[in-house]
């Protein structure tokens, strides 16, 4: 059974989301999981890491609103005290 917390994972001090992945580009490096390939750098989804939640939230206005909403909901449940401000 899938729950909202399946959309985020804590690895050490870093929160990741499988809903997005990072390619090797300097700009526009966050891709939705439905994109299999970055046509700019030719990185494939299967060879790339999941995106950091802080990066997804930082660039939310450039990403799928529905997927970002899922990440936000998952973080509310998984880590209610999560803050993008590191203090």
C-alpha atoms as a PDB file:
ATOM      1  CA  UNK A   1       0.000   0.000   0.000  1.00  0.00           C
ATOM      2  CA  UNK A   2       1.359   3.398  -0.988  1.00  0.00           C
ATOM      3  CA  UNK A   3       1.274   6.241   1.517  1.00  0.00           C
ATOM      4  CA  UNK A   4       2.265   9.877   1.222  1.00  0.00           C
ATOM      5  CA  UNK A   5       5.509   9.194   3.076  1.00  0.00           C
ATOM      6  CA  UNK A   6       6.602   6.954   0.181  1.00  0.00           C
ATOM      7  CA  UNK A   7       7.281  10.198  -1.696  1.00  0.00           C
ATOM      8  CA  UNK A   8      10.158  11.280   0.579  1.00  0.00           C
ATOM      9  CA  UNK A   9      13.091   9.496   2.188  1.00  0.00           C
ATOM     10  CA  UNK A  10      15.603  10.672   4.752  1.00  0.00           C
ATOM     11  CA  UNK A  11      19.224   9.716   4.079  1.00  0.00           C
ATOM     12  CA  UNK A  12      21.333  11.032   6.930  1.00  0.00           C
ATOM     13  CA  UNK A  13      20.447  14.709   7.234  1.00  0.00           C
ATOM     14  CA  UNK A  14      19.178  14.933   3.651  1.00  0.00           C
ATOM     15  CA  UNK A  15      15.586  14.444   2.509  1.00  0.00           C
ATOM     16  CA  UNK A  16      15.162  13.016  -1.015  1.00  0.00           C
ATOM     17  CA  UNK A  17      12.134  12.484  -3.218  1.00  0.00           C
ATOM     18  CA  UNK A  18      11.762   9.819  -5.916  1.00  0.00           C
ATOM     19  CA  UNK A  19       9.220  12.056  -7.665  1.00  0.00           C
ATOM     20  CA  UNK A  20      12.129  14.035  -9.168  1.00  0.00           C
ATOM     21  CA  UNK A  21      15.693  13.277 -10.251  1.00  0.00           C
ATOM     22  CA  UNK A  22      18.808  15.342 -10.954  1.00  0.00           C
ATOM     23  CA  UNK A  23      20.826  15.327 -14.154  1.00  0.00           C
ATOM     24  CA  UNK A  24      24.321  16.801 -14.619  1.00  0.00           C
ATOM     25  CA  UNK A  25      23.206  20.149 -16.074  1.00  0.00           C
ATOM     26  CA  UNK A  26      24.126  23.378 -14.265  1.00  0.00           C
ATOM     27  CA  UNK A  27      20.632  24.822 -14.812  1.00  0.00           C
ATOM     28  CA  UNK A  28      17.281  23.068 -15.114  1.00  0.00           C
ATOM     29  CA  UNK A  29      18.753  19.927 -13.549  1.00  0.00           C
ATOM     30  CA  UNK A  30      15.592  18.760 -11.756  1.00  0.00           C
ATOM     31  CA  UNK A  31      13.328  16.479 -13.795  1.00  0.00           C
ATOM     32  CA  UNK A  32      10.071  14.784 -12.912  1.00  0.00           C
ATOM     33  CA  UNK A  33      10.306  11.009 -12.524  1.00  0.00           C
ATOM     34  CA  UNK A  34       8.172  10.587 -15.646  1.00  0.00           C
ATOM     35  CA  UNK A  35      10.999  12.038 -17.766  1.00  0.00           C
ATOM     36  CA  UNK A  36      13.345   9.203 -18.688  1.00  0.00           C
ATOM     37  CA  UNK A  37      16.126  11.332 -20.217  1.00  0.00           C
ATOM     38  CA  UNK A  38      17.642  14.804 -20.037  1.00  0.00           C
ATOM     39  CA  UNK A  39      18.040  15.834 -23.645  1.00  0.00           C
ATOM     40  CA  UNK A  40      20.621  18.504 -22.740  1.00  0.00           C
ATOM     41  CA  UNK A  41      23.208  16.254 -21.024  1.00  0.00           C
ATOM     42  CA  UNK A  42      21.856  12.804 -22.044  1.00  0.00           C
ATOM     43  CA  UNK A  43      21.638  11.549 -18.440  1.00  0.00           C
ATOM     44  CA  UNK A  44      19.051   8.830 -17.922  1.00  0.00           C
ATOM     45  CA  UNK A  45      16.672   8.620 -14.967  1.00  0.00           C
ATOM     46  CA  UNK A  46      17.987   5.200 -13.985  1.00  0.00           C
ATOM     47  CA  UNK A  47      21.567   6.498 -13.720  1.00  0.00           C
ATOM     48  CA  UNK A  48      20.726   9.592 -11.699  1.00  0.00           C
ATOM     49  CA  UNK A  49      20.031  10.403  -8.050  1.00  0.00           C
ATOM     50  CA  UNK A  50      16.688  11.396  -6.600  1.00  0.00           C
ATOM     51  CA  UNK A  51      16.307  15.134  -6.031  1.00  0.00           C
ATOM     52  CA  UNK A  52      16.763  16.788  -2.668  1.00  0.00           C
ATOM     53  CA  UNK A  53      13.506  18.035  -1.186  1.00  0.00           C
ATOM     54  CA  UNK A  54      15.050  21.467  -0.470  1.00  0.00           C
ATOM     55  CA  UNK A  55      15.914  21.855  -4.170  1.00  0.00           C
ATOM     56  CA  UNK A  56      12.448  20.766  -5.280  1.00  0.00           C
ATOM     57  CA  UNK A  57      10.842  23.299  -2.930  1.00  0.00           C
ATOM     58  CA  UNK A  58      13.320  26.016  -3.910  1.00  0.00           C
ATOM     59  CA  UNK A  59      12.495  25.624  -7.605  1.00  0.00           C
ATOM     60  CA  UNK A  60       8.827  24.705  -7.116  1.00  0.00           C
ATOM     61  CA  UNK A  61       7.605  27.436  -9.465  1.00  0.00           C
ATOM     62  CA  UNK A  62       9.486  25.747 -12.339  1.00  0.00           C
ATOM     63  CA  UNK A  63       8.272  22.205 -11.608  1.00  0.00           C
ATOM     64  CA  UNK A  64       5.015  20.276 -11.790  1.00  0.00           C
ATOM     65  CA  UNK A  65       2.640  21.856  -9.285  1.00  0.00           C
ATOM     66  CA  UNK A  66       0.938  18.519  -8.579  1.00  0.00           C
ATOM     67  CA  UNK A  67       4.203  16.699  -7.835  1.00  0.00           C
ATOM     68  CA  UNK A  68       5.552  19.529  -5.687  1.00  0.00           C
ATOM     69  CA  UNK A  69       2.288  19.445  -3.747  1.00  0.00           C
ATOM     70  CA  UNK A  70       2.813  15.722  -3.079  1.00  0.00           C
ATOM     71  CA  UNK A  71       6.341  16.417  -1.816  1.00  0.00           C
ATOM     72  CA  UNK A  72       5.048  19.171   0.475  1.00  0.00           C
ATOM     73  CA  UNK A  73       2.301  16.901   1.822  1.00  0.00           C
ATOM     74  CA  UNK A  74       4.765  14.075   2.386  1.00  0.00           C
ATOM     75  CA  UNK A  75       7.141  16.341   4.291  1.00  0.00           C
ATOM     76  CA  UNK A  76       4.290  17.612   6.466  1.00  0.00           C
ATOM     77  CA  UNK A  77       3.606  14.029   7.545  1.00  0.00           C
ATOM     78  CA  UNK A  78       7.148  12.621   7.597  1.00  0.00           C
ATOM     79  CA  UNK A  79       8.931  15.605   9.141  1.00  0.00           C
ATOM     80  CA  UNK A  80       6.495  18.190  10.513  1.00  0.00           C
ATOM     81  CA  UNK A  81       9.356  20.328  11.842  1.00  0.00           C
ATOM     82  CA  UNK A  82      11.196  20.373   8.486  1.00  0.00           C
ATOM     83  CA  UNK A  83      12.393  23.818   7.541  1.00  0.00           C
ATOM     84  CA  UNK A  84      14.330  25.038   4.554  1.00  0.00           C
ATOM     85  CA  UNK A  85      16.077  27.541   6.828  1.00  0.00           C
ATOM     86  CA  UNK A  86      19.089  25.706   8.356  1.00  0.00           C
ATOM     87  CA  UNK A  87      19.023  26.852  11.975  1.00  0.00           C
END
